[in-house]
């Protein structure tokens, strides 16, 4: 079965997952994570990508990005992977691949879904049983959003900035979003979008992306789709 063509149009957020090949470990220490963060910052700067949220787990990474140029996300991830794998192999006396050949991605609708996706990313260590509170994990964007921890590679999304008129108001509003866990149906929806490469959003957003890309965004259908002119807005 042919692979689904990836679309990451400029200005639209995209949820990206980069996994270790066969789920092998990608980070053995904080030094590894620091090296990955270095190459991540360099790649996003080089190719014009805004980084909104992240989490560096043991064998995979979640990123929430907005490209400013066509094909920027693919170029960014290729550059990041190539440089980090070279570092990792040199440090650990190994050769060969480290990450899966193709990262997973899903376009994310702003307003209704973006902050939900961001919470999903930052709650990964909690769901994995590594910490009981997202603030207890150093290698995610939660501390930047919730406590204004300075991180040079961070570009807060407009949906986050709209949570409050001042930084303290935004941080308090953001922390309140984490009072409970994400509902199971939402978690499954986010995972399904990543697995299939379909968008994370409502039917109107699906229509808009179908009109933009000419590719069906409904589960169970593949390939080009006739554009429904009345569907985009």
C-alpha atoms as a PDB file:
ATOM      1  CA  UNK A   1       0.000   0.000   0.000  1.00  0.00           C
ATOM      2  CA  UNK A   2       1.488   3.391  -0.957  1.00  0.00           C
ATOM      3  CA  UNK A   3       2.421   5.757   1.835  1.00  0.00           C
ATOM      4  CA  UNK A   4       0.122   8.669   2.478  1.00  0.00           C
ATOM      5  CA  UNK A   5       1.587  11.887   1.136  1.00  0.00           C
ATOM      6  CA  UNK A   6       2.598  14.286   3.896  1.00  0.00           C
ATOM      7  CA  UNK A   7       1.232  17.857   3.817  1.00  0.00           C
ATOM      8  CA  UNK A   8       2.572  20.520   6.212  1.00  0.00           C
ATOM      9  CA  UNK A   9       1.431  23.863   4.754  1.00  0.00           C
ATOM     10  CA  UNK A  10       3.023  27.061   6.094  1.00  0.00           C
ATOM     11  CA  UNK A  11       1.119  28.585   9.007  1.00  0.00           C
ATOM     12  CA  UNK A  12      -0.647  25.378  10.098  1.00  0.00           C
ATOM     13  CA  UNK A  13       0.473  23.615  13.298  1.00  0.00           C
ATOM     14  CA  UNK A  14       1.565  20.001  13.023  1.00  0.00           C
ATOM     15  CA  UNK A  15       2.009  17.353  15.711  1.00  0.00           C
ATOM     16  CA  UNK A  16       5.149  15.305  15.005  1.00  0.00           C
ATOM     17  CA  UNK A  17       6.340  12.070  16.621  1.00  0.00           C
ATOM     18  CA  UNK A  18       9.850  10.721  16.060  1.00  0.00           C
ATOM     19  CA  UNK A  19      10.348   7.192  17.434  1.00  0.00           C
ATOM     20  CA  UNK A  20      13.367   5.023  17.961  1.00  0.00           C
ATOM     21  CA  UNK A  21      13.645   2.243  15.400  1.00  0.00           C
ATOM     22  CA  UNK A  22      11.828  -0.787  16.850  1.00  0.00           C
ATOM     23  CA  UNK A  23      11.185   1.463  19.856  1.00  0.00           C
ATOM     24  CA  UNK A  24      14.851   1.414  20.856  1.00  0.00           C
ATOM     25  CA  UNK A  25      16.200   3.965  23.333  1.00  0.00           C
ATOM     26  CA  UNK A  26      16.972   7.392  21.862  1.00  0.00           C
ATOM     27  CA  UNK A  27      18.231   9.058  25.054  1.00  0.00           C
ATOM     28  CA  UNK A  28      20.388   7.410  27.696  1.00  0.00           C
ATOM     29  CA  UNK A  29      21.188  10.556  29.690  1.00  0.00           C
ATOM     30  CA  UNK A  30      20.502  14.247  30.112  1.00  0.00           C
ATOM     31  CA  UNK A  31      23.571  14.868  27.950  1.00  0.00           C
ATOM     32  CA  UNK A  32      21.825  13.082  25.070  1.00  0.00           C
ATOM     33  CA  UNK A  33      18.702  15.167  25.547  1.00  0.00           C
ATOM     34  CA  UNK A  34      20.748  18.366  25.641  1.00  0.00           C
ATOM     35  CA  UNK A  35      22.390  17.389  22.360  1.00  0.00           C
ATOM     36  CA  UNK A  36      18.997  16.674  20.789  1.00  0.00           C
ATOM     37  CA  UNK A  37      17.677  20.048  22.028  1.00  0.00           C
ATOM     38  CA  UNK A  38      20.714  21.759  20.491  1.00  0.00           C
ATOM     39  CA  UNK A  39      20.090  20.220  17.069  1.00  0.00           C
ATOM     40  CA  UNK A  40      16.357  20.835  17.380  1.00  0.00           C
ATOM     41  CA  UNK A  41      16.902  24.532  17.976  1.00  0.00           C
ATOM     42  CA  UNK A  42      19.417  24.738  15.139  1.00  0.00           C
ATOM     43  CA  UNK A  43      17.133  22.928  12.698  1.00  0.00           C
ATOM     44  CA  UNK A  44      14.044  25.008  13.515  1.00  0.00           C
ATOM     45  CA  UNK A  45      16.060  28.217  13.125  1.00  0.00           C
ATOM     46  CA  UNK A  46      17.643  27.032   9.886  1.00  0.00           C
ATOM     47  CA  UNK A  47      14.424  26.002   8.147  1.00  0.00           C
ATOM     48  CA  UNK A  48      11.915  28.495   9.539  1.00  0.00           C
ATOM     49  CA  UNK A  49       9.870  26.417  11.969  1.00  0.00           C
ATOM     50  CA  UNK A  50       8.278  27.644  15.215  1.00  0.00           C
ATOM     51  CA  UNK A  51       8.426  25.151  18.089  1.00  0.00           C
ATOM     52  CA  UNK A  52       5.455  25.424  20.462  1.00  0.00           C
ATOM     53  CA  UNK A  53       5.625  22.268  22.583  1.00  0.00           C
ATOM     54  CA  UNK A  54       7.809  19.206  23.076  1.00  0.00           C
ATOM     55  CA  UNK A  55       8.578  16.211  25.246  1.00  0.00           C
ATOM     56  CA  UNK A  56      11.686  14.016  25.049  1.00  0.00           C
ATOM     57  CA  UNK A  57      10.717  10.554  26.258  1.00  0.00           C
ATOM     58  CA  UNK A  58      13.142   7.623  26.495  1.00  0.00           C
ATOM     59  CA  UNK A  59      12.435   6.131  23.070  1.00  0.00           C
ATOM     60  CA  UNK A  60      10.444   8.812  21.261  1.00  0.00           C
ATOM     61  CA  UNK A  61       9.846  12.545  20.932  1.00  0.00           C
ATOM     62  CA  UNK A  62       6.675  14.614  20.510  1.00  0.00           C
ATOM     63  CA  UNK A  63       6.879  18.058  18.906  1.00  0.00           C
ATOM     64  CA  UNK A  64       4.241  20.680  18.093  1.00  0.00           C
ATOM     65  CA  UNK A  65       5.499  22.843  15.232  1.00  0.00           C
ATOM     66  CA  UNK A  66       4.337  25.513  12.806  1.00  0.00           C
ATOM     67  CA  UNK A  67       6.340  25.838   9.570  1.00  0.00           C
ATOM     68  CA  UNK A  68       6.824  29.243   7.975  1.00  0.00           C
ATOM     69  CA  UNK A  69       7.941  27.812   4.618  1.00  0.00           C
ATOM     70  CA  UNK A  70       6.844  24.959   2.332  1.00  0.00           C
ATOM     71  CA  UNK A  71       8.521  21.616   3.175  1.00  0.00           C
ATOM     72  CA  UNK A  72      10.129  23.194   6.234  1.00  0.00           C
ATOM     73  CA  UNK A  73       9.026  20.441   8.622  1.00  0.00           C
ATOM     74  CA  UNK A  74      10.486  17.632   6.495  1.00  0.00           C
ATOM     75  CA  UNK A  75      13.786  19.490   6.031  1.00  0.00           C
ATOM     76  CA  UNK A  76      13.890  20.319   9.743  1.00  0.00           C
ATOM     77  CA  UNK A  77      13.347  16.721  10.846  1.00  0.00           C
ATOM     78  CA  UNK A  78      15.866  15.350   8.337  1.00  0.00           C
ATOM     79  CA  UNK A  79      18.532  17.783   9.510  1.00  0.00           C
ATOM     80  CA  UNK A  80      17.768  17.103  13.171  1.00  0.00           C
ATOM     81  CA  UNK A  81      17.772  13.327  12.742  1.00  0.00           C
ATOM     82  CA  UNK A  82      20.963  13.230  10.682  1.00  0.00           C
ATOM     83  CA  UNK A  83      22.950  15.333  13.163  1.00  0.00           C
ATOM     84  CA  UNK A  84      21.614  13.750  16.327  1.00  0.00           C
ATOM     85  CA  UNK A  85      22.153  10.198  15.046  1.00  0.00           C
ATOM     86  CA  UNK A  86      25.763  11.076  14.173  1.00  0.00           C
ATOM     87  CA  UNK A  87      26.263  12.415  17.705  1.00  0.00           C
ATOM     88  CA  UNK A  88      24.514   9.435  19.338  1.00  0.00           C
ATOM     89  CA  UNK A  89      26.489   6.840  17.377  1.00  0.00           C
ATOM     90  CA  UNK A  90      29.793   8.538  18.164  1.00  0.00           C
ATOM     91  CA  UNK A  91      28.965   8.848  21.863  1.00  0.00           C
ATOM     92  CA  UNK A  92      27.786   5.279  22.266  1.00  0.00           C
ATOM     93  CA  UNK A  93      30.088   3.419  19.915  1.00  0.00           C
ATOM     94  CA  UNK A  94      27.410   2.232  17.542  1.00  0.00           C
ATOM     95  CA  UNK A  95      26.531   2.434  13.860  1.00  0.00           C
ATOM     96  CA  UNK A  96      23.388   2.412  11.768  1.00  0.00           C
ATOM     97  CA  UNK A  97      19.946   3.892  12.107  1.00  0.00           C
ATOM     98  CA  UNK A  98      18.413   5.142  15.334  1.00  0.00           C
ATOM     99  CA  UNK A  99      14.994   6.503  14.372  1.00  0.00           C
ATOM    100  CA  UNK A 100      12.185   5.017  12.348  1.00  0.00           C
ATOM    101  CA  UNK A 101      12.534   5.875   8.678  1.00  0.00           C
ATOM    102  CA  UNK A 102       9.552   8.194   8.569  1.00  0.00           C
ATOM    103  CA  UNK A 103       8.303  10.410  11.377  1.00  0.00           C
ATOM    104  CA  UNK A 104       4.561  10.517  12.058  1.00  0.00           C
ATOM    105  CA  UNK A 105       2.646  13.767  11.718  1.00  0.00           C
ATOM    106  CA  UNK A 106      -0.838  15.213  11.946  1.00  0.00           C
ATOM    107  CA  UNK A 107      -2.056  18.729  11.187  1.00  0.00           C
ATOM    108  CA  UNK A 108      -3.759  20.317  14.189  1.00  0.00           C
ATOM    109  CA  UNK A 109      -6.713  22.701  14.189  1.00  0.00           C
ATOM    110  CA  UNK A 110      -6.110  25.866  16.177  1.00  0.00           C
ATOM    111  CA  UNK A 111      -8.409  27.011  18.980  1.00  0.00           C
ATOM    112  CA  UNK A 112     -10.487  23.843  19.426  1.00  0.00           C
ATOM    113  CA  UNK A 113      -7.626  21.342  19.339  1.00  0.00           C
ATOM    114  CA  UNK A 114      -4.208  22.954  19.668  1.00  0.00           C
ATOM    115  CA  UNK A 115      -4.045  23.341  23.449  1.00  0.00           C
ATOM    116  CA  UNK A 116      -5.555  19.868  23.830  1.00  0.00           C
ATOM    117  CA  UNK A 117      -2.746  18.455  21.699  1.00  0.00           C
ATOM    118  CA  UNK A 118      -0.237  20.459  23.721  1.00  0.00           C
ATOM    119  CA  UNK A 119      -1.596  18.986  26.954  1.00  0.00           C
ATOM    120  CA  UNK A 120      -1.383  15.504  25.444  1.00  0.00           C
ATOM    121  CA  UNK A 121       2.285  16.089  24.653  1.00  0.00           C
ATOM    122  CA  UNK A 122       3.202  17.463  28.080  1.00  0.00           C
ATOM    123  CA  UNK A 123       1.236  14.777  29.947  1.00  0.00           C
ATOM    124  CA  UNK A 124       3.199  11.963  28.288  1.00  0.00           C
ATOM    125  CA  UNK A 125       5.545  11.470  31.271  1.00  0.00           C
ATOM    126  CA  UNK A 126       2.535  11.297  33.616  1.00  0.00           C
ATOM    127  CA  UNK A 127       0.770   8.669  31.482  1.00  0.00           C
ATOM    128  CA  UNK A 128       4.043   6.702  31.346  1.00  0.00           C
ATOM    129  CA  UNK A 129       4.291   6.705  35.157  1.00  0.00           C
ATOM    130  CA  UNK A 130       7.587   8.616  35.155  1.00  0.00           C
ATOM    131  CA  UNK A 131       6.202  11.498  37.262  1.00  0.00           C
ATOM    132  CA  UNK A 132       2.924  12.318  38.976  1.00  0.00           C
ATOM    133  CA  UNK A 133       2.884  15.957  37.834  1.00  0.00           C
ATOM    134  CA  UNK A 134       4.010  17.282  34.419  1.00  0.00           C
ATOM    135  CA  UNK A 135       6.168  19.873  36.164  1.00  0.00           C
ATOM    136  CA  UNK A 136       8.271  17.050  37.573  1.00  0.00           C
ATOM    137  CA  UNK A 137       9.670  16.191  34.141  1.00  0.00           C
ATOM    138  CA  UNK A 138      12.420  18.537  32.996  1.00  0.00           C
ATOM    139  CA  UNK A 139      12.427  17.637  29.304  1.00  0.00           C
ATOM    140  CA  UNK A 140       9.098  19.013  28.186  1.00  0.00           C
ATOM    141  CA  UNK A 141       7.645  22.431  27.425  1.00  0.00           C
ATOM    142  CA  UNK A 142       5.336  22.358  30.467  1.00  0.00           C
ATOM    143  CA  UNK A 143       7.584  24.477  32.697  1.00  0.00           C
ATOM    144  CA  UNK A 144       7.862  27.125  29.981  1.00  0.00           C
ATOM    145  CA  UNK A 145       4.078  27.371  29.641  1.00  0.00           C
ATOM    146  CA  UNK A 146       3.152  26.961  33.306  1.00  0.00           C
ATOM    147  CA  UNK A 147       6.038  28.764  35.044  1.00  0.00           C
ATOM    148  CA  UNK A 148       7.645  30.925  32.334  1.00  0.00           C
ATOM    149  CA  UNK A 149      10.890  28.958  32.381  1.00  0.00           C
ATOM    150  CA  UNK A 150      13.092  30.588  29.714  1.00  0.00           C
ATOM    151  CA  UNK A 151      13.850  28.286  26.765  1.00  0.00           C
ATOM    152  CA  UNK A 152      15.500  29.782  23.675  1.00  0.00           C
ATOM    153  CA  UNK A 153      13.918  27.380  21.186  1.00  0.00           C
ATOM    154  CA  UNK A 154      10.357  28.020  22.458  1.00  0.00           C
ATOM    155  CA  UNK A 155       7.848  30.005  20.366  1.00  0.00           C
ATOM    156  CA  UNK A 156       4.551  30.116  22.302  1.00  0.00           C
ATOM    157  CA  UNK A 157       1.517  29.702  20.065  1.00  0.00           C
ATOM    158  CA  UNK A 158      -1.108  32.443  19.769  1.00  0.00           C
ATOM    159  CA  UNK A 159      -3.698  30.135  21.387  1.00  0.00           C
ATOM    160  CA  UNK A 160      -1.533  29.972  24.498  1.00  0.00           C
ATOM    161  CA  UNK A 161      -0.924  33.729  24.516  1.00  0.00           C
ATOM    162  CA  UNK A 162      -4.693  34.284  24.315  1.00  0.00           C
ATOM    163  CA  UNK A 163      -5.180  32.566  27.697  1.00  0.00           C
ATOM    164  CA  UNK A 164      -4.414  35.816  29.526  1.00  0.00           C
ATOM    165  CA  UNK A 165      -3.440  39.436  29.071  1.00  0.00           C
ATOM    166  CA  UNK A 166      -0.367  39.075  31.305  1.00  0.00           C
ATOM    167  CA  UNK A 167       2.205  36.339  31.793  1.00  0.00           C
ATOM    168  CA  UNK A 168       0.980  35.467  35.332  1.00  0.00           C
ATOM    169  CA  UNK A 169      -2.618  35.252  34.089  1.00  0.00           C
ATOM    170  CA  UNK A 170      -1.605  33.013  31.181  1.00  0.00           C
ATOM    171  CA  UNK A 171       0.438  30.716  33.391  1.00  0.00           C
ATOM    172  CA  UNK A 172      -2.358  30.374  35.942  1.00  0.00           C
ATOM    173  CA  UNK A 173      -4.914  29.659  33.215  1.00  0.00           C
ATOM    174  CA  UNK A 174      -2.588  27.117  31.654  1.00  0.00           C
ATOM    175  CA  UNK A 175      -1.949  25.300  34.923  1.00  0.00           C
ATOM    176  CA  UNK A 176      -5.695  25.064  35.465  1.00  0.00           C
ATOM    177  CA  UNK A 177      -5.997  23.076  32.211  1.00  0.00           C
ATOM    178  CA  UNK A 178      -4.025  20.295  33.899  1.00  0.00           C
ATOM    179  CA  UNK A 179      -6.366  19.908  36.879  1.00  0.00           C
ATOM    180  CA  UNK A 180      -7.537  16.597  35.428  1.00  0.00           C
ATOM    181  CA  UNK A 181      -6.319  14.057  32.928  1.00  0.00           C
ATOM    182  CA  UNK A 182      -7.297  14.159  29.271  1.00  0.00           C
ATOM    183  CA  UNK A 183     -10.486  12.172  28.531  1.00  0.00           C
ATOM    184  CA  UNK A 184      -9.861   8.787  26.971  1.00  0.00           C
ATOM    185  CA  UNK A 185     -11.734   9.562  23.727  1.00  0.00           C
ATOM    186  CA  UNK A 186      -9.534  12.619  23.122  1.00  0.00           C
ATOM    187  CA  UNK A 187      -6.356  10.610  23.738  1.00  0.00           C
ATOM    188  CA  UNK A 188      -7.540   7.982  21.259  1.00  0.00           C
ATOM    189  CA  UNK A 189      -8.455  10.670  18.716  1.00  0.00           C
ATOM    190  CA  UNK A 190      -4.976  12.213  18.898  1.00  0.00           C
ATOM    191  CA  UNK A 191      -3.291   8.818  18.584  1.00  0.00           C
ATOM    192  CA  UNK A 192      -5.509   7.816  15.662  1.00  0.00           C
ATOM    193  CA  UNK A 193      -4.672  11.042  13.832  1.00  0.00           C
ATOM    194  CA  UNK A 194      -0.955  10.338  14.209  1.00  0.00           C
ATOM    195  CA  UNK A 195      -1.300   6.706  13.202  1.00  0.00           C
ATOM    196  CA  UNK A 196      -3.223   7.507  10.017  1.00  0.00           C
ATOM    197  CA  UNK A 197      -1.659  10.875   9.171  1.00  0.00           C
ATOM    198  CA  UNK A 198      -5.107  12.463   9.162  1.00  0.00           C
ATOM    199  CA  UNK A 199      -5.806  15.887  10.633  1.00  0.00           C
ATOM    200  CA  UNK A 200      -6.733  16.499  14.243  1.00  0.00           C
ATOM    201  CA  UNK A 201      -9.793  18.707  14.037  1.00  0.00           C
ATOM    202  CA  UNK A 202     -13.491  18.989  13.308  1.00  0.00           C
ATOM    203  CA  UNK A 203     -15.305  18.335  10.034  1.00  0.00           C
ATOM    204  CA  UNK A 204     -14.969  21.932   8.862  1.00  0.00           C
ATOM    205  CA  UNK A 205     -11.214  21.770   9.330  1.00  0.00           C
ATOM    206  CA  UNK A 206     -11.117  18.458   7.457  1.00  0.00           C
ATOM    207  CA  UNK A 207     -12.987  20.093   4.573  1.00  0.00           C
ATOM    208  CA  UNK A 208     -10.534  22.990   4.514  1.00  0.00           C
ATOM    209  CA  UNK A 209      -7.492  20.694   4.436  1.00  0.00           C
ATOM    210  CA  UNK A 210      -9.085  18.504   1.765  1.00  0.00           C
ATOM    211  CA  UNK A 211      -9.660  21.595  -0.380  1.00  0.00           C
ATOM    212  CA  UNK A 212      -6.104  22.782   0.236  1.00  0.00           C
ATOM    213  CA  UNK A 213      -4.327  19.476  -0.413  1.00  0.00           C
ATOM    214  CA  UNK A 214      -6.756  17.502  -2.594  1.00  0.00           C
ATOM    215  CA  UNK A 215      -6.309  14.561  -0.229  1.00  0.00           C
ATOM    216  CA  UNK A 216      -9.116  12.921   1.732  1.00  0.00           C
ATOM    217  CA  UNK A 217      -9.009  13.500   5.491  1.00  0.00           C
ATOM    218  CA  UNK A 218     -11.698  10.967   6.443  1.00  0.00           C
ATOM    219  CA  UNK A 219     -10.805   7.612   8.026  1.00  0.00           C
ATOM    220  CA  UNK A 220     -11.048   4.622   5.713  1.00  0.00           C
ATOM    221  CA  UNK A 221     -10.398   6.582   2.523  1.00  0.00           C
ATOM    222  CA  UNK A 222      -7.085   7.231   0.796  1.00  0.00           C
ATOM    223  CA  UNK A 223      -5.668   9.199  -2.073  1.00  0.00           C
ATOM    224  CA  UNK A 224      -6.911  12.260  -3.971  1.00  0.00           C
ATOM    225  CA  UNK A 225     -10.420  13.529  -3.470  1.00  0.00           C
ATOM    226  CA  UNK A 226     -12.565  15.774  -5.602  1.00  0.00           C
ATOM    227  CA  UNK A 227     -12.517  19.217  -4.022  1.00  0.00           C
ATOM    228  CA  UNK A 228     -15.849  20.305  -2.627  1.00  0.00           C
ATOM    229  CA  UNK A 229     -15.804  24.018  -3.272  1.00  0.00           C
ATOM    230  CA  UNK A 230     -18.462  24.871  -0.710  1.00  0.00           C
ATOM    231  CA  UNK A 231     -16.610  23.081   2.091  1.00  0.00           C
ATOM    232  CA  UNK A 232     -13.702  25.466   2.622  1.00  0.00           C
ATOM    233  CA  UNK A 233     -14.016  28.678   4.494  1.00  0.00           C
END
